[in-house]
N, C-alpha and C. Protein backbone atom coordinates (compact mmCIF):
# COMPACT_ATOMS: atom_id res chain seq x y z
N UNK A 1 130.30 42.43 24.95
CA UNK A 1 129.16 41.83 24.75
C UNK A 1 128.81 40.24 24.57
N UNK A 2 128.33 38.94 24.73
CA UNK A 2 128.13 37.75 24.94
C UNK A 2 127.76 37.43 23.40
N UNK A 3 128.56 36.45 22.92
CA UNK A 3 128.55 35.87 21.88
C UNK A 3 127.02 34.96 21.52
N UNK A 4 126.12 35.31 20.92
CA UNK A 4 125.10 34.88 20.82
C UNK A 4 124.66 34.44 19.46
N UNK A 5 124.41 33.31 19.04
CA UNK A 5 124.06 33.15 17.86
C UNK A 5 122.31 33.60 17.01
N UNK A 6 122.39 33.89 15.95
CA UNK A 6 121.10 34.66 15.40
C UNK A 6 120.36 33.37 15.01
N UNK A 7 120.21 31.93 14.95
CA UNK A 7 120.15 30.89 14.72
C UNK A 7 119.58 29.98 15.76
N UNK A 8 118.17 29.58 16.32
CA UNK A 8 117.68 29.09 17.15
C UNK A 8 116.60 28.18 17.14
N UNK A 9 116.60 26.86 18.11
CA UNK A 9 116.20 25.88 18.01
C UNK A 9 115.23 25.50 19.42
N UNK A 10 113.85 25.95 19.03
CA UNK A 10 113.17 25.67 19.96
C UNK A 10 112.31 25.06 20.32
N UNK A 11 111.88 24.36 21.55
CA UNK A 11 110.76 23.17 21.61
C UNK A 11 109.95 23.82 22.44
N UNK A 12 108.69 23.56 22.00
CA UNK A 12 107.27 23.76 23.80
C UNK A 12 106.52 22.90 23.57
N UNK A 13 106.44 22.25 24.63
CA UNK A 13 105.15 20.78 24.80
C UNK A 13 104.32 21.51 25.50
N UNK A 14 103.07 20.97 25.12
CA UNK A 14 101.72 21.01 25.96
C UNK A 14 100.81 20.04 25.73
N UNK A 15 100.40 19.95 27.06
CA UNK A 15 98.74 18.89 27.14
C UNK A 15 97.22 19.95 26.89
N UNK A 16 96.55 19.83 25.60
CA UNK A 16 95.54 20.71 25.98
C UNK A 16 94.53 19.66 26.22
N UNK A 17 93.57 20.48 26.61
CA UNK A 17 91.92 19.89 27.00
C UNK A 17 91.21 19.93 25.57
N UNK A 18 91.50 19.20 24.83
CA UNK A 18 90.71 19.28 23.37
C UNK A 18 90.79 18.20 22.58
N UNK A 19 90.23 18.09 22.05
CA UNK A 19 90.25 16.73 20.66
C UNK A 19 91.18 16.70 19.72
N UNK A 20 92.04 15.83 19.69
CA UNK A 20 93.07 16.18 18.60
C UNK A 20 92.41 16.96 16.89
N UNK A 21 91.37 16.20 16.92
CA UNK A 21 90.80 16.57 15.35
C UNK A 21 90.80 17.86 15.37
N UNK A 22 90.13 18.39 16.65
CA UNK A 22 89.71 20.04 16.37
C UNK A 22 90.85 20.81 16.89
N UNK A 23 92.17 20.42 17.05
CA UNK A 23 93.49 20.90 17.12
C UNK A 23 94.01 21.05 15.85
N UNK A 24 94.02 20.09 15.17
CA UNK A 24 94.26 19.49 13.81
C UNK A 24 93.67 20.44 13.08
N UNK A 25 92.19 20.73 12.61
CA UNK A 25 91.64 21.55 11.83
C UNK A 25 92.05 22.80 12.30
N UNK A 26 92.30 23.84 13.55
CA UNK A 26 92.80 25.02 13.83
C UNK A 26 94.40 25.16 13.03
N UNK A 27 95.34 24.40 13.12
CA UNK A 27 96.31 24.30 12.78
C UNK A 27 96.47 24.56 10.88
N UNK A 28 95.43 23.32 10.92
CA UNK A 28 96.10 23.49 9.22
C UNK A 28 95.16 24.28 8.77
N UNK A 29 93.85 25.00 8.96
CA UNK A 29 93.29 26.10 8.03
C UNK A 29 94.04 27.20 8.42
N UNK A 30 95.13 27.88 7.60
CA UNK A 30 95.54 29.54 7.40
C UNK A 30 94.79 30.19 7.06
N UNK A 31 93.51 29.66 6.08
CA UNK A 31 92.54 30.63 5.80
C UNK A 31 91.96 31.28 7.27
N UNK A 32 91.54 30.80 8.30
CA UNK A 32 91.05 31.20 9.97
C UNK A 32 92.26 31.64 10.99
N UNK A 33 93.51 31.59 10.61
CA UNK A 33 94.55 31.88 11.39
C UNK A 33 94.40 33.23 12.11
N UNK A 34 93.73 34.17 11.31
CA UNK A 34 93.49 35.61 12.04
C UNK A 34 92.52 35.44 13.30
N UNK A 35 91.79 34.59 13.48
CA UNK A 35 91.08 34.24 14.58
C UNK A 35 91.66 33.84 16.04
N UNK A 36 93.29 33.19 15.36
CA UNK A 36 94.10 33.10 16.82
C UNK A 36 95.31 33.39 16.97
N UNK A 37 95.92 33.49 15.76
CA UNK A 37 97.41 33.97 15.50
C UNK A 37 97.49 34.95 16.05
N UNK A 38 98.56 34.70 17.35
CA UNK A 38 98.87 36.47 18.32
C UNK A 38 99.33 37.43 17.44
N UNK A 39 99.31 37.45 16.03
CA UNK A 39 99.92 38.64 15.29
C UNK A 39 98.46 38.72 14.44
N UNK A 40 97.40 38.86 15.29
CA UNK A 40 96.06 39.17 14.34
C UNK A 40 96.01 40.65 13.73
N UNK A 41 96.74 41.02 14.27
CA UNK A 41 96.51 42.72 13.46
C UNK A 41 96.99 42.75 12.52
N UNK A 42 97.73 41.71 11.91
CA UNK A 42 97.81 42.01 10.58
C UNK A 42 98.30 40.64 10.09
N UNK A 43 97.40 39.79 10.28
CA UNK A 43 97.52 38.36 9.81
C UNK A 43 96.51 37.73 8.72
N UNK A 44 96.97 37.45 7.25
CA UNK A 44 96.04 37.36 6.44
C UNK A 44 96.19 36.13 5.62
N UNK A 45 95.14 35.36 5.34
CA UNK A 45 95.63 34.29 4.44
C UNK A 45 95.85 34.68 2.83
N UNK A 46 97.04 33.90 2.29
CA UNK A 46 96.86 34.37 0.83
C UNK A 46 96.76 33.24 0.02
N UNK A 47 96.19 32.30 0.72
CA UNK A 47 95.47 31.03 -0.23
C UNK A 47 94.20 30.80 0.13
N UNK A 48 93.30 30.46 -0.58
CA UNK A 48 91.60 30.40 -0.29
C UNK A 48 91.36 29.03 0.67
N UNK A 49 92.63 28.37 0.66
CA UNK A 49 92.19 27.07 1.29
C UNK A 49 93.22 26.88 2.79
N UNK A 50 93.35 25.97 3.48
CA UNK A 50 94.65 25.63 4.42
C UNK A 50 95.04 24.04 3.77
N UNK A 51 95.84 23.35 4.75
CA UNK A 51 96.04 22.60 4.20
C UNK A 51 97.67 22.94 3.45
N UNK A 52 98.52 21.37 3.19
CA UNK A 52 99.57 21.77 2.24
C UNK A 52 99.80 22.87 1.38
N UNK A 53 100.69 23.59 1.43
CA UNK A 53 100.29 24.92 0.34
C UNK A 53 99.45 25.84 0.86
N UNK A 54 98.78 25.81 1.53
CA UNK A 54 98.43 27.32 2.31
C UNK A 54 99.25 28.02 2.85
N UNK A 55 98.97 29.34 2.43
CA UNK A 55 100.18 30.31 2.50
C UNK A 55 99.34 31.38 3.59
N UNK A 56 100.34 32.09 4.56
CA UNK A 56 99.80 33.02 5.21
C UNK A 56 100.74 34.62 5.66
N UNK A 57 100.62 35.62 5.44
CA UNK A 57 101.13 36.52 6.13
C UNK A 57 100.66 37.28 7.41
N UNK A 58 102.45 37.24 7.86
CA UNK A 58 102.03 37.73 9.40
C UNK A 58 102.84 39.03 9.56
N UNK A 59 102.46 40.09 10.66
CA UNK A 59 103.23 41.07 11.11
C UNK A 59 103.63 40.85 12.27
N UNK A 60 104.66 40.40 12.78
CA UNK A 60 105.17 40.37 14.14
C UNK A 60 106.05 41.12 14.80
N UNK A 61 106.26 40.76 16.04
CA UNK A 61 107.40 41.42 16.48
C UNK A 61 108.79 42.26 15.64
N UNK A 62 108.90 40.75 14.33
CA UNK A 62 110.65 41.34 13.93
C UNK A 62 110.03 41.52 12.51
N UNK A 63 108.65 42.13 12.21
CA UNK A 63 108.40 42.40 11.05
C UNK A 63 107.32 41.50 10.24
N UNK A 64 107.26 41.71 9.24
CA UNK A 64 106.52 40.94 8.19
C UNK A 64 106.99 39.77 7.51
N UNK A 65 105.97 38.64 7.50
CA UNK A 65 106.47 37.52 7.17
C UNK A 65 105.89 36.68 6.54
N UNK A 66 106.37 35.85 5.97
CA UNK A 66 105.42 34.94 4.79
C UNK A 66 105.52 33.47 5.12
N UNK A 67 104.68 32.58 4.94
CA UNK A 67 104.59 31.29 5.56
C UNK A 67 103.99 30.27 4.79
N UNK A 68 104.19 28.97 4.61
CA UNK A 68 103.35 28.27 4.28
C UNK A 68 103.49 26.38 4.82
N UNK A 69 102.17 25.76 4.58
CA UNK A 69 102.39 24.65 5.46
C UNK A 69 102.74 23.75 3.79
N UNK A 70 104.17 23.06 4.87
CA UNK A 70 104.49 22.32 3.50
C UNK A 70 104.19 20.47 3.64
N UNK A 71 103.86 20.00 4.97
CA UNK A 71 103.19 18.65 5.20
C UNK A 71 102.33 18.66 6.35
N UNK A 72 100.84 18.05 6.15
CA UNK A 72 99.90 18.01 7.19
C UNK A 72 99.54 16.26 6.87
N UNK A 73 99.63 16.02 7.96
CA UNK A 73 99.01 14.58 8.49
C UNK A 73 97.81 14.55 9.08
N UNK A 74 96.65 14.54 8.97
CA UNK A 74 95.42 14.49 9.94
C UNK A 74 95.63 13.78 11.20
N UNK A 75 95.35 14.55 11.97
CA UNK A 75 95.90 14.24 13.68
C UNK A 75 97.05 14.00 14.22
N UNK A 76 98.15 14.26 13.39
CA UNK A 76 99.51 13.82 13.76
C UNK A 76 100.32 15.01 13.56
N UNK A 77 100.55 15.66 12.43
CA UNK A 77 101.33 16.74 12.40
C UNK A 77 100.94 17.85 11.25
N UNK A 78 101.30 19.39 11.31
CA UNK A 78 101.39 20.36 10.55
C UNK A 78 103.12 21.05 10.68
N UNK A 79 103.50 20.63 9.55
CA UNK A 79 105.07 21.50 9.19
C UNK A 79 104.63 22.83 8.29
N UNK A 80 105.60 23.74 8.62
CA UNK A 80 105.27 24.67 7.77
C UNK A 80 106.87 25.11 7.39
N UNK A 81 107.21 26.25 6.73
CA UNK A 81 108.10 27.04 6.73
C UNK A 81 108.00 28.35 6.45
N UNK A 82 109.17 29.13 7.12
CA UNK A 82 108.90 30.96 7.00
C UNK A 82 109.47 30.85 5.46
N UNK A 83 108.93 31.52 4.48
CA UNK A 83 110.11 31.40 3.00
C UNK A 83 110.13 32.96 2.71
N UNK A 84 109.72 34.20 3.77
CA UNK A 84 110.01 35.42 3.16
C UNK A 84 109.97 36.28 4.64
N UNK A 85 110.62 37.30 4.63
CA UNK A 85 110.30 38.08 5.71
C UNK A 85 112.34 37.75 6.38
N UNK A 86 112.02 38.46 7.60
CA UNK A 86 113.62 39.13 8.28
C UNK A 86 113.90 37.70 9.09
N UNK A 87 112.94 36.32 9.47
CA UNK A 87 113.60 35.25 10.19
C UNK A 87 112.93 34.19 8.65
N UNK A 88 113.56 33.17 8.70
CA UNK A 88 113.32 31.99 7.94
C UNK A 88 113.64 30.86 8.98
N UNK A 89 112.99 30.08 8.51
CA UNK A 89 113.10 28.79 8.75
C UNK A 89 111.72 27.89 8.48
N UNK A 90 111.93 26.90 9.80
CA UNK A 90 110.87 25.96 9.60
C UNK A 90 109.81 25.42 11.43
N UNK A 91 108.90 25.19 11.18
CA UNK A 91 107.71 24.99 12.50
C UNK A 91 107.37 23.23 12.03
N UNK A 92 106.83 22.87 13.56
CA UNK A 92 106.61 21.67 13.38
C UNK A 92 105.64 21.51 14.36
N UNK A 93 104.33 21.55 14.01
CA UNK A 93 103.44 21.11 14.94
C UNK A 93 102.91 19.35 15.34
N UNK A 94 103.49 18.73 16.56
CA UNK A 94 103.28 17.44 16.23
C UNK A 94 102.06 17.13 17.09
N UNK A 95 101.22 16.34 17.02
CA UNK A 95 100.21 16.23 17.74
C UNK A 95 99.84 14.51 18.25
N UNK A 96 99.56 14.22 19.43
CA UNK A 96 99.13 13.07 19.80
C UNK A 96 97.77 13.20 20.43
N UNK A 97 96.93 12.10 20.16
CA UNK A 97 95.47 12.11 20.77
C UNK A 97 95.41 11.54 21.88
N UNK A 98 94.64 11.93 22.77
CA UNK A 98 94.87 10.97 24.61
C UNK A 98 93.71 11.46 25.00
N UNK A 99 92.76 10.07 24.50
CA UNK A 99 90.82 10.78 24.80
C UNK A 99 90.69 12.00 24.32
N UNK A 100 90.18 12.83 25.49
CA UNK A 100 89.25 14.11 25.34
C UNK A 100 90.90 15.28 25.14
N UNK A 101 91.78 14.83 24.95
CA UNK A 101 93.33 15.49 25.21
C UNK A 101 94.05 15.28 24.18
N UNK A 102 94.83 16.57 23.60
CA UNK A 102 95.99 16.37 22.79
C UNK A 102 97.25 17.14 23.04
N UNK A 103 97.99 15.90 23.31
CA UNK A 103 99.64 16.22 23.47
C UNK A 103 100.13 17.40 22.15
N UNK A 104 100.43 18.39 22.15
CA UNK A 104 100.91 19.22 21.45
C UNK A 104 102.35 19.65 21.59
N UNK A 105 103.07 19.69 20.42
CA UNK A 105 104.94 20.21 20.70
C UNK A 105 104.89 20.69 19.00
N UNK A 106 105.32 22.08 19.43
CA UNK A 106 105.84 23.27 18.60
C UNK A 106 107.46 22.96 18.85
N UNK A 107 107.89 22.67 17.61
CA UNK A 107 109.41 22.90 16.96
C UNK A 107 109.42 23.99 16.22
N UNK A 108 110.23 24.94 16.69
CA UNK A 108 110.83 25.98 15.49
C UNK A 108 112.44 25.90 15.41
N UNK A 109 112.53 26.13 14.17
CA UNK A 109 114.17 26.55 13.85
C UNK A 109 114.19 27.77 13.47
N UNK A 110 114.58 28.59 13.86
CA UNK A 110 114.47 30.02 12.87
C UNK A 110 116.14 30.74 12.52
N UNK A 111 116.58 31.19 11.56
CA UNK A 111 117.39 32.03 11.66
C UNK A 111 117.43 33.44 10.80
N UNK A 112 117.71 34.29 11.54
CA UNK A 112 118.03 35.63 11.55
C UNK A 112 118.65 35.79 10.18
N UNK A 113 117.99 36.52 8.89
CA UNK A 113 118.60 36.82 7.44
C UNK A 113 118.91 38.16 6.92
N UNK A 114 118.20 38.82 8.18
CA UNK A 114 118.83 40.38 7.62
C UNK A 114 119.43 40.88 8.47
N UNK A 115 120.48 41.83 7.93
CA UNK A 115 121.42 42.39 8.98
C UNK A 115 120.84 43.23 9.97
N UNK A 116 119.78 43.56 10.18
CA UNK A 116 119.20 44.13 11.63
C UNK A 116 118.69 43.02 12.50
N UNK A 117 118.37 42.15 11.59
CA UNK A 117 118.11 40.84 13.01
C UNK A 117 119.22 40.38 13.31
N UNK A 118 120.27 40.05 12.51
CA UNK A 118 121.45 39.62 12.98
C UNK A 118 122.04 40.26 13.80
N UNK A 119 121.92 41.83 13.72
CA UNK A 119 122.60 42.52 15.09
C UNK A 119 121.79 42.41 16.15
N UNK A 120 120.28 42.40 16.01
CA UNK A 120 119.18 42.22 17.25
C UNK A 120 120.03 40.84 18.03
N UNK A 121 120.21 39.82 16.88
CA UNK A 121 120.42 38.69 17.94
C UNK A 121 121.56 39.04 18.82
N UNK A 122 122.56 39.67 18.53
CA UNK A 122 123.64 39.84 19.13
C UNK A 122 123.38 40.70 20.59
N UNK A 123 122.47 41.02 20.53
CA UNK A 123 122.18 42.45 21.76
C UNK A 123 121.01 41.51 22.30
N UNK A 124 120.25 41.17 21.74
CA UNK A 124 119.10 40.50 22.64
C UNK A 124 119.40 38.74 22.45
N UNK A 125 118.70 38.34 23.20
CA UNK A 125 119.12 36.37 23.49
C UNK A 125 117.67 35.98 22.50
N UNK A 126 117.78 35.73 21.34
CA UNK A 126 116.80 35.11 20.46
C UNK A 126 116.11 33.95 20.60
N UNK A 127 116.97 33.20 21.68
CA UNK A 127 116.33 32.01 22.17
C UNK A 127 114.89 32.13 23.09
N UNK A 128 115.52 32.82 23.97
CA UNK A 128 114.29 33.46 24.85
C UNK A 128 113.40 34.11 24.27
N UNK A 129 113.46 34.74 23.35
CA UNK A 129 112.49 35.38 22.66
C UNK A 129 111.23 34.41 21.77
N UNK A 130 112.17 33.45 21.10
CA UNK A 130 111.47 32.76 20.63
C UNK A 130 110.80 31.47 21.51
N UNK A 131 111.43 31.25 22.26
CA UNK A 131 110.69 30.61 23.09
C UNK A 131 109.45 31.25 23.59
N UNK A 132 109.28 32.50 24.38
CA UNK A 132 107.89 32.91 24.44
C UNK A 132 106.96 33.31 23.43
N UNK A 133 107.51 33.07 22.35
CA UNK A 133 106.66 33.21 20.94
C UNK A 133 106.01 32.20 20.85
N UNK A 134 106.52 30.75 21.27
CA UNK A 134 106.22 29.35 21.25
C UNK A 134 104.87 29.20 22.00
N UNK A 135 105.62 29.80 23.21
CA UNK A 135 104.24 29.90 24.48
C UNK A 135 103.03 30.45 24.04
N UNK A 136 103.06 31.71 23.63
CA UNK A 136 102.24 32.34 23.28
C UNK A 136 101.34 31.93 22.43
N UNK A 137 102.27 30.90 21.12
CA UNK A 137 101.27 30.79 20.18
C UNK A 137 100.38 29.50 20.83
N UNK A 138 100.99 28.84 21.63
CA UNK A 138 100.32 27.27 21.86
C UNK A 138 98.81 28.25 23.14
N UNK A 139 99.37 29.05 23.81
CA UNK A 139 98.19 29.77 24.39
C UNK A 139 96.81 30.32 23.73
N UNK A 140 97.37 31.21 22.84
CA UNK A 140 96.64 31.20 21.52
C UNK A 140 95.72 30.19 21.09
N UNK A 141 96.37 29.40 20.35
CA UNK A 141 95.70 27.94 19.86
C UNK A 141 94.91 27.41 20.81
N UNK A 142 95.39 27.25 21.97
CA UNK A 142 94.20 27.03 23.11
C UNK A 142 93.28 27.54 23.34
N UNK A 143 92.91 28.72 23.33
CA UNK A 143 91.97 29.22 23.55
C UNK A 143 90.61 29.75 22.16
N UNK A 144 91.81 29.59 20.90
CA UNK A 144 90.91 29.49 19.81
C UNK A 144 89.88 27.89 19.81
N UNK A 145 90.43 26.96 20.32
CA UNK A 145 89.45 25.51 20.13
C UNK A 145 89.00 25.23 21.90
N UNK A 146 88.68 26.46 22.39
CA UNK A 146 87.82 26.00 23.46
C UNK A 146 88.76 25.20 24.58
N UNK A 147 90.24 25.16 24.54
CA UNK A 147 90.74 24.12 25.57
C UNK A 147 91.80 25.40 26.78
N UNK A 148 92.39 24.53 27.81
CA UNK A 148 93.15 25.25 28.30
C UNK A 148 94.56 24.15 28.50
N UNK A 149 95.88 24.62 28.41
CA UNK A 149 96.60 24.04 28.56
C UNK A 149 96.90 23.70 30.26
N UNK A 150 96.64 21.91 30.19
CA UNK A 150 96.17 21.24 31.15
C UNK A 150 97.63 20.62 31.71
N UNK A 151 98.75 20.61 31.09
CA UNK A 151 99.79 19.88 31.47
C UNK A 151 101.16 21.21 31.01
N UNK A 152 101.53 22.18 31.46
CA UNK A 152 102.31 22.52 30.95
C UNK A 152 103.91 22.19 31.15
N UNK A 153 104.51 21.89 30.42
CA UNK A 153 105.66 21.27 30.26
C UNK A 153 106.80 22.24 29.84
N UNK A 154 107.79 22.49 30.63
CA UNK A 154 108.64 23.26 30.61
C UNK A 154 109.94 22.56 29.33
N UNK A 155 109.97 23.18 28.19
CA UNK A 155 111.00 22.66 27.53
C UNK A 155 112.40 23.42 27.09
N UNK A 156 113.47 22.87 27.44
CA UNK A 156 114.59 23.66 27.11
C UNK A 156 114.70 24.13 25.96
N UNK A 157 115.06 25.18 25.36
CA UNK A 157 115.38 25.62 24.32
C UNK A 157 116.73 25.62 23.94
N UNK A 158 117.20 24.82 22.66
CA UNK A 158 118.69 24.62 22.18
C UNK A 158 118.76 25.61 21.40
N UNK A 159 119.88 26.21 21.60
CA UNK A 159 120.63 27.37 20.32
C UNK A 159 121.51 26.49 19.74
N UNK A 160 121.31 26.70 18.58
CA UNK A 160 122.27 25.97 17.22
C UNK A 160 123.45 26.64 17.03
N UNK A 161 124.66 26.31 17.34
CA UNK A 161 125.75 27.72 17.18
C UNK A 161 126.34 27.10 15.84
N UNK A 162 126.13 28.13 15.25
CA UNK A 162 126.79 28.52 13.60
C UNK A 162 128.30 28.55 13.33
């Protein structure tokens, strides 16, 4: 069996045909994630507001998790951390406005914290799975803001050896 780590860093970049302000509002509004988050069958706001401190719970392929926004700079970035669940880590949405388009970067650094997820990381390729999840997040966000990814950029995933 190949030696695979259970900690991954994934970066995905796209250019969306949407204004940076519209994209930022969608990212910072945790109370509206149910409208576009891929795990929408069970995504719910745990805070009545978005922005810094906004928390949400979601049930995804690895189980139930809770995340919160730790930094938000309008039109520039939304940073979050996963605080509960089988995976922990951080995510950062970076935004740059270009006329009516937005360059969007999603960086995820995640680590399996439960024995089952660690074992699954040894059996499956967690980096590839997280890369697919990052692409899905961006595609769903693009649909939510009425945009299409106009320049999909292939970004290599960078596994972190622990």
